[in-house]
Amino acid sequence: MPAASVSERVPDPHAVSIWQDATNRLHDQPAVTPDRLTSDALRRRFLQPLDWRQEERHDLQLVPSGQRDAAVLIGLQRVQEAASTSDRSAWLEVLLTQRTAQLRAHAGQIAFPGGKIDAQDRDAVDAALREAREEVGLERQGIQVLGALRPYVTHTGYRILPVVALLPRVWTRHPNPAEVADIFTVPLGFLMDPRNHRKHVWHAPTGERREWFSMPYDDPEQRVERYIWGVTAGILRDLYHFLQAG
């Protein structure tokens, strides 16, 4: 999704210090319990009309008018059997991509598969599934769409609908070399534990204030840090609030 020139570009997010007071408040929040992170629990949650609140944001006045609609796929993949009931959160991992370095917008960043809703798409779900097939080779067969979170509005003028779905346990990854440098998964339990969340604040030379979350994950398979931040981390914070409700 191309960025609009509506605000100052954030520098290297790794170089922006942690907002410690806000991060400490995050760490006081409880993790989503493992019993809420199973496939069956997620199905039940999307059938329940429980009220929930999105993450509070303080800088949405920077969003331009004329927002464009987009959709992303929060794909949850069952990757292993749990040894016991307490290990059930290990069953599901979240599908993410590392964008290629040559892209004009958000180069090298970690993202969900997704993009703009095109005229030929029936709806946001159709767009999210189409983008997932184009970006990572994920075919629609075997995908179980559970529902969607509330739209997430970005500083670049996009109104993103996060579509949540259970993925087939086995499928062949085919990254689009023009967009995707890598495909990987992160345990849902890790992402739904605020002890792994951090808050940052940045003041641009123009006086603009920007806030965002980060969720660095040490990938044990590739032995690299997956620096999840920005819109992706913000949507994951909304998923946290959705699953923690009730």
Protein backbone atom coordinates (compact mmCIF):
# COMPACT_ATOMS: atom_id res chain seq x y z
CA MET A 1 0.00 0.00 0.00
CA PRO A 2 1.73 3.22 -1.11
CA ALA A 3 2.25 5.90 1.49
CA ALA A 4 0.77 9.35 1.14
CA SER A 5 2.92 12.36 1.95
CA VAL A 6 0.71 13.54 4.80
CA SER A 7 3.24 13.51 7.61
CA GLU A 8 6.90 13.30 8.41
CA ARG A 9 8.47 9.92 7.77
CA VAL A 10 9.56 8.11 10.91
CA PRO A 11 13.33 7.44 11.01
CA ASP A 12 14.73 3.98 11.64
CA PRO A 13 12.30 2.67 14.29
CA HIS A 14 15.12 0.74 15.96
CA ALA A 15 16.74 4.07 16.78
CA VAL A 16 13.66 5.51 18.50
CA SER A 17 13.84 4.92 22.22
CA ILE A 18 11.18 3.10 24.22
CA TRP A 19 8.56 5.24 25.95
CA GLN A 20 9.21 3.60 29.28
CA ASP A 21 6.23 4.83 31.33
CA ALA A 22 3.77 3.75 28.64
CA THR A 23 5.60 0.44 28.16
CA ASN A 24 5.45 -0.25 31.89
CA ARG A 25 1.68 0.23 31.78
CA LEU A 26 1.48 -2.26 28.93
CA HIS A 27 3.46 -4.80 30.92
CA ASP A 28 0.91 -4.52 33.74
CA GLN A 29 -1.81 -5.82 31.43
CA PRO A 30 -2.63 -9.54 31.58
CA ALA A 31 -1.82 -11.90 28.76
CA VAL A 32 -4.66 -13.55 26.87
CA THR A 33 -4.96 -16.94 28.55
CA PRO A 34 -4.14 -20.08 26.53
CA ASP A 35 -7.73 -21.34 26.67
CA ARG A 36 -8.77 -18.31 24.57
CA LEU A 37 -6.15 -18.95 21.90
CA THR A 38 -7.33 -22.28 20.52
CA SER A 39 -9.10 -22.69 17.18
CA ASP A 40 -12.38 -23.54 18.90
CA ALA A 41 -12.13 -20.60 21.28
CA LEU A 42 -11.50 -18.23 18.39
CA ARG A 43 -14.52 -19.56 16.52
CA ARG A 44 -16.68 -19.01 19.59
CA ARG A 45 -15.30 -15.51 20.15
CA PHE A 46 -16.30 -14.35 16.69
CA LEU A 47 -19.81 -15.68 17.27
CA GLN A 48 -20.15 -13.73 20.52
CA PRO A 49 -21.33 -10.10 20.34
CA LEU A 50 -19.07 -9.01 23.21
CA ASP A 51 -18.28 -5.31 23.29
CA TRP A 52 -14.61 -4.37 23.05
CA ARG A 53 -12.58 -1.21 22.63
CA GLN A 54 -9.82 -0.60 20.16
CA GLU A 55 -6.44 0.61 21.31
CA GLU A 56 -6.61 4.27 22.27
CA ARG A 57 -4.70 6.50 19.88
CA HIS A 58 -3.76 10.15 20.31
CA ASP A 59 -2.51 11.21 16.90
CA LEU A 60 -5.34 10.39 14.50
CA GLN A 61 -5.83 14.08 13.76
CA LEU A 62 -3.00 13.59 11.28
CA VAL A 63 -5.11 11.29 9.07
CA PRO A 64 -6.15 13.00 5.80
CA SER A 65 -9.66 13.09 4.43
CA GLY A 66 -10.64 10.78 1.59
CA GLN A 67 -9.51 7.52 3.17
CA ARG A 68 -8.90 4.54 0.91
CA ASP A 69 -10.19 1.09 1.80
CA ALA A 70 -7.79 -1.81 2.27
CA ALA A 71 -7.78 -5.25 3.88
CA VAL A 72 -5.21 -7.51 5.49
CA LEU A 73 -5.32 -11.19 6.41
CA ILE A 74 -4.50 -12.18 9.98
CA GLY A 75 -3.83 -15.80 9.12
CA LEU A 76 -3.63 -18.22 12.05
CA GLN A 77 -1.87 -21.47 11.30
CA ARG A 78 -1.92 -24.60 13.44
CA VAL A 79 1.68 -25.71 13.43
CA GLN A 80 2.02 -28.34 16.15
CA GLU A 81 0.12 -30.44 18.62
CA ALA A 82 0.14 -29.34 22.24
CA ALA A 83 1.62 -31.65 24.83
CA SER A 84 -0.94 -30.59 27.42
CA THR A 85 -3.88 -28.26 27.93
CA SER A 86 -1.56 -25.53 29.22
CA ASP A 87 0.37 -25.63 25.94
CA ARG A 88 -2.62 -24.98 23.71
CA SER A 89 -1.47 -21.50 22.70
CA ALA A 90 1.38 -23.23 20.85
CA TRP A 91 -1.13 -24.61 18.39
CA LEU A 92 -1.59 -21.34 16.52
CA GLU A 93 0.94 -19.02 14.93
CA VAL A 94 0.38 -15.79 13.02
CA LEU A 95 1.43 -15.58 9.38
CA LEU A 96 3.58 -12.54 8.56
CA THR A 97 5.74 -11.36 5.69
CA GLN A 98 8.92 -9.32 5.36
CA ARG A 99 8.53 -6.83 2.53
CA THR A 100 11.27 -6.53 -0.06
CA ALA A 101 13.84 -3.76 0.24
CA GLN A 102 13.10 -2.21 -3.17
CA LEU A 103 9.46 -1.33 -2.52
CA ARG A 104 8.65 2.38 -2.53
CA ALA A 105 6.46 2.17 0.58
CA HIS A 106 7.28 0.35 3.84
CA ALA A 107 10.32 -1.37 2.33
CA GLY A 108 11.74 -4.13 4.50
CA GLN A 109 8.97 -3.89 7.07
CA ILE A 110 6.97 -6.75 8.54
CA ALA A 111 3.36 -6.89 7.46
CA PHE A 112 0.27 -9.01 7.09
CA PRO A 113 -0.59 -10.09 3.55
CA GLY A 114 -2.96 -7.45 2.23
CA GLY A 115 -3.49 -4.32 0.21
CA LYS A 116 -6.02 -2.03 -1.40
CA ILE A 117 -9.55 -3.24 -2.08
CA ASP A 118 -9.84 -3.30 -5.87
CA ALA A 119 -12.97 -2.72 -7.92
CA GLN A 120 -13.21 -6.42 -8.81
CA ASP A 121 -13.13 -7.53 -5.17
CA ARG A 122 -16.55 -8.47 -3.78
CA ASP A 123 -15.67 -7.16 -0.33
CA ALA A 124 -12.80 -6.82 2.15
CA VAL A 125 -12.64 -10.57 2.76
CA ASP A 126 -12.31 -11.19 -0.98
CA ALA A 127 -9.54 -8.59 -1.18
CA ALA A 128 -7.61 -10.05 1.78
CA LEU A 129 -7.73 -13.56 0.33
CA ARG A 130 -6.74 -12.34 -3.14
CA GLU A 131 -3.77 -10.43 -1.75
CA ALA A 132 -2.69 -13.47 0.29
CA ARG A 133 -2.68 -15.61 -2.84
CA GLU A 134 -0.76 -13.00 -4.83
CA GLU A 135 1.81 -12.28 -2.12
CA VAL A 136 2.50 -15.67 -0.51
CA GLY A 137 0.74 -18.25 -2.71
CA LEU A 138 -1.97 -19.07 -0.17
CA GLU A 139 -4.92 -20.61 -2.00
CA ARG A 140 -8.46 -20.11 -0.71
CA GLN A 141 -9.19 -23.80 -0.35
CA GLY A 142 -9.03 -24.81 3.29
CA ILE A 143 -9.10 -21.26 4.67
CA GLN A 144 -11.78 -20.71 7.31
CA VAL A 145 -12.66 -17.03 7.68
CA LEU A 146 -13.73 -16.33 11.26
CA GLY A 147 -14.61 -12.67 10.96
CA ALA A 148 -13.03 -9.24 11.05
CA LEU A 149 -11.87 -6.67 13.56
CA ARG A 150 -12.90 -3.02 13.45
CA PRO A 151 -11.15 -0.94 10.78
CA TYR A 152 -7.69 0.40 11.56
CA VAL A 153 -6.99 3.89 10.18
CA THR A 154 -3.43 4.75 9.17
CA HIS A 155 -1.56 8.05 8.91
CA THR A 156 -1.17 7.48 5.18
CA GLY A 157 -4.90 7.58 4.54
CA TYR A 158 -5.92 3.93 4.57
CA ARG A 159 -8.87 2.38 6.35
CA ILE A 160 -7.75 -1.23 6.84
CA LEU A 161 -10.14 -4.05 7.68
CA PRO A 162 -8.25 -6.90 9.41
CA VAL A 163 -9.75 -10.25 8.35
CA VAL A 164 -9.04 -13.13 10.75
CA ALA A 165 -8.90 -16.67 9.38
CA LEU A 166 -7.68 -20.16 10.25
CA LEU A 167 -5.23 -21.47 7.65
CA PRO A 168 -4.61 -25.01 6.44
CA ARG A 169 -2.04 -26.80 8.53
CA VAL A 170 0.05 -27.56 5.46
CA TRP A 171 0.39 -25.37 2.37
CA THR A 172 3.19 -24.45 -0.01
CA ARG A 173 4.65 -20.99 0.36
CA HIS A 174 5.29 -19.06 -2.85
CA PRO A 175 6.52 -15.56 -1.99
CA ASN A 176 6.02 -12.98 -4.72
CA PRO A 177 9.62 -11.83 -5.33
CA ALA A 178 8.47 -8.32 -6.23
CA GLU A 179 6.86 -7.78 -2.83
CA VAL A 180 7.84 -10.44 -0.30
CA ALA A 181 11.38 -11.20 0.88
CA ASP A 182 10.38 -13.75 3.50
CA ILE A 183 7.37 -15.56 4.99
CA PHE A 184 7.35 -16.64 8.61
CA THR A 185 5.10 -17.22 11.62
CA VAL A 186 5.10 -15.97 15.21
CA PRO A 187 3.33 -17.78 18.06
CA LEU A 188 -0.06 -16.21 18.79
CA GLY A 189 0.61 -16.58 22.51
CA PHE A 190 3.74 -14.42 22.23
CA LEU A 191 1.89 -11.66 20.40
CA MET A 192 -1.05 -11.72 22.82
CA ASP A 193 1.17 -11.19 25.87
CA PRO A 194 1.67 -7.45 26.63
CA ARG A 195 4.96 -8.23 28.32
CA ASN A 196 6.27 -8.51 24.75
CA HIS A 197 4.82 -5.14 23.69
CA ARG A 198 6.62 -1.80 23.76
CA LYS A 199 5.46 1.77 23.16
CA HIS A 200 7.44 4.47 21.36
CA VAL A 201 6.96 8.18 20.79
CA TRP A 202 8.75 10.35 18.24
CA HIS A 203 8.71 14.11 17.75
CA ALA A 204 9.44 15.25 14.22
CA PRO A 205 11.41 18.46 13.55
CA THR A 206 8.12 19.98 12.36
CA GLY A 207 6.56 19.40 15.79
CA GLU A 208 4.49 16.42 14.70
CA ARG A 209 4.13 13.71 17.34
CA ARG A 210 3.92 10.05 16.38
CA GLU A 211 3.26 7.06 18.62
CA TRP A 212 3.52 3.37 17.79
CA PHE A 213 3.98 -0.10 19.25
CA SER A 214 6.72 -2.63 18.65
CA MET A 215 6.85 -6.37 19.34
CA PRO A 216 10.37 -7.65 18.61
CA TYR A 217 10.47 -11.43 18.20
CA ASP A 218 13.63 -13.55 18.14
CA ASP A 219 12.99 -16.12 15.43
CA PRO A 220 14.55 -19.38 16.68
CA GLU A 221 14.54 -20.98 13.23
CA GLN A 222 16.22 -18.20 11.28
CA ARG A 223 18.10 -16.77 14.29
CA VAL A 224 17.09 -13.22 13.44
CA GLU A 225 15.04 -10.57 15.16
CA ARG A 226 11.65 -9.95 13.58
CA TYR A 227 10.97 -6.31 14.37
CA ILE A 228 7.19 -5.99 14.29
CA TRP A 229 6.07 -2.38 14.63
CA GLY A 230 3.79 0.33 13.30
CA VAL A 231 0.50 -0.61 11.67
CA THR A 232 1.11 -4.35 12.04
CA ALA A 233 1.75 -4.03 15.77
CA GLY A 234 -1.20 -1.66 16.13
CA ILE A 235 -3.57 -4.19 14.54
CA LEU A 236 -2.18 -6.89 16.82
CA ARG A 237 -2.95 -4.67 19.81
CA ASP A 238 -6.56 -4.47 18.58
CA LEU A 239 -6.62 -8.27 18.28
CA TYR A 240 -5.39 -8.43 21.89
CA HIS A 241 -8.27 -6.26 23.09
CA PHE A 242 -10.77 -8.27 21.03
CA LEU A 243 -9.63 -11.61 22.49
CA GLN A 244 -9.33 -10.24 26.02
CA ALA A 245 -12.90 -8.86 26.07
CA GLY A 246 -15.36 -10.58 28.36
